Protein backbone atom coordinates (compact mmCIF):
# COMPACT_ATOMS: atom_id res chain seq x y z
CA MET A 1 25.45 112.23 100.50
CA THR A 2 24.72 111.34 104.12
CA ASN A 3 26.99 112.19 107.01
CA PRO A 4 29.98 109.75 106.95
CA LEU A 5 30.42 109.83 110.73
CA PRO A 6 29.47 106.63 112.59
CA SER A 7 26.38 107.04 114.72
CA SER A 8 27.74 105.26 117.81
CA THR A 9 30.99 104.52 119.57
CA MET A 10 30.39 100.76 119.63
CA PRO A 11 33.01 98.60 117.94
CA ALA A 12 32.28 98.47 114.23
CA SER A 13 31.96 95.30 112.22
CA ASP A 14 34.03 94.77 109.10
CA GLN A 15 30.99 95.67 107.02
CA GLU A 16 30.49 98.95 108.88
CA LEU A 17 34.17 99.80 108.49
CA PHE A 18 33.96 99.07 104.78
CA GLN A 19 30.87 101.28 104.43
CA PHE A 20 32.56 104.09 106.37
CA SER A 21 35.70 103.79 104.25
CA GLU A 22 33.64 103.82 101.05
CA LYS A 23 31.73 106.94 102.15
CA CYS A 24 35.02 108.69 102.92
CA ARG A 25 36.39 107.70 99.51
CA LEU A 26 33.27 109.02 97.76
CA LEU A 27 33.46 112.26 99.77
CA ARG A 28 37.09 112.71 98.71
CA ILE A 29 36.17 112.10 95.07
CA GLN A 30 33.30 114.59 95.27
CA ILE A 31 35.59 117.26 96.76
CA HIS A 32 38.30 116.63 94.16
CA THR A 33 35.85 117.33 91.33
CA GLN A 34 36.17 121.02 92.27
CA ILE A 35 39.45 121.15 94.22
CA ILE A 36 42.36 120.08 92.01
CA GLY A 37 45.90 119.51 93.26
CA HIS A 38 45.42 120.11 96.99
CA GLU A 39 45.33 116.50 98.21
CA SER A 40 47.22 117.20 101.44
CA ILE A 41 44.93 120.06 102.50
CA VAL A 42 41.79 118.06 101.69
CA GLU A 43 43.15 115.08 103.64
CA GLN A 44 44.00 117.22 106.69
CA LEU A 45 40.58 118.90 106.59
CA LEU A 46 38.78 115.55 106.49
CA ILE A 47 40.93 114.14 109.31
CA SER A 48 40.09 117.15 111.47
CA LEU A 49 36.40 116.86 110.60
CA LEU A 50 36.23 113.13 111.36
CA ALA A 51 38.18 113.60 114.61
CA GLY A 52 35.67 116.22 115.76
CA GLY A 53 38.21 119.04 115.64
CA HIS A 54 38.37 122.51 114.18
CA CYS A 55 40.31 123.98 111.25
CA LEU A 56 41.66 127.45 110.67
CA LEU A 57 42.49 127.98 107.00
CA ILE A 58 45.14 130.65 106.54
CA GLY A 59 46.68 131.70 103.25
CA VAL A 60 47.05 134.39 100.66
CA PRO A 61 44.02 135.29 98.52
CA GLY A 62 43.28 132.97 95.62
CA LEU A 63 44.16 129.61 97.20
CA ALA A 64 40.54 128.34 97.02
CA LYS A 65 40.02 128.21 100.78
CA THR A 66 36.41 129.35 100.53
CA LEU A 67 35.77 127.04 97.58
CA LEU A 68 37.15 124.09 99.56
CA VAL A 69 34.89 124.70 102.55
CA ARG A 70 31.86 125.47 100.36
CA THR A 71 32.47 122.25 98.39
CA LEU A 72 32.78 120.23 101.60
CA ALA A 73 29.54 121.73 102.94
CA GLU A 74 27.72 120.92 99.69
CA ALA A 75 29.06 117.35 99.68
CA LEU A 76 27.74 116.81 103.21
CA SER A 77 24.47 118.76 102.67
CA TRP A 78 25.46 121.29 105.32
CA ASP A 79 24.81 125.02 105.45
CA PHE A 80 27.71 127.29 104.54
CA LYS A 81 28.40 130.74 105.97
CA ARG A 82 31.61 132.64 105.30
CA ILE A 83 33.31 134.64 108.05
CA GLN A 84 36.24 136.85 107.13
CA PHE A 85 38.76 138.31 109.56
CA THR A 86 41.23 141.03 108.59
């Protein structure tokens, strides 16, 4: 899948908005094939990504944080490196 971010800051046409919306929908579907039942977290992660922000995922072991980020990286054809802080 290609990067869903628009390539310019120019006002988008209805067609461009539809294409962007469709790419976001397909990205969500692709993530939810591996991440089940965490709709809110996936939504917040995508909002942060599309807004150009950063995310810090904090939680107890076993919540699929690494799987979520690895799945997102695979869906966008990005490299994935895990950093762990204790």
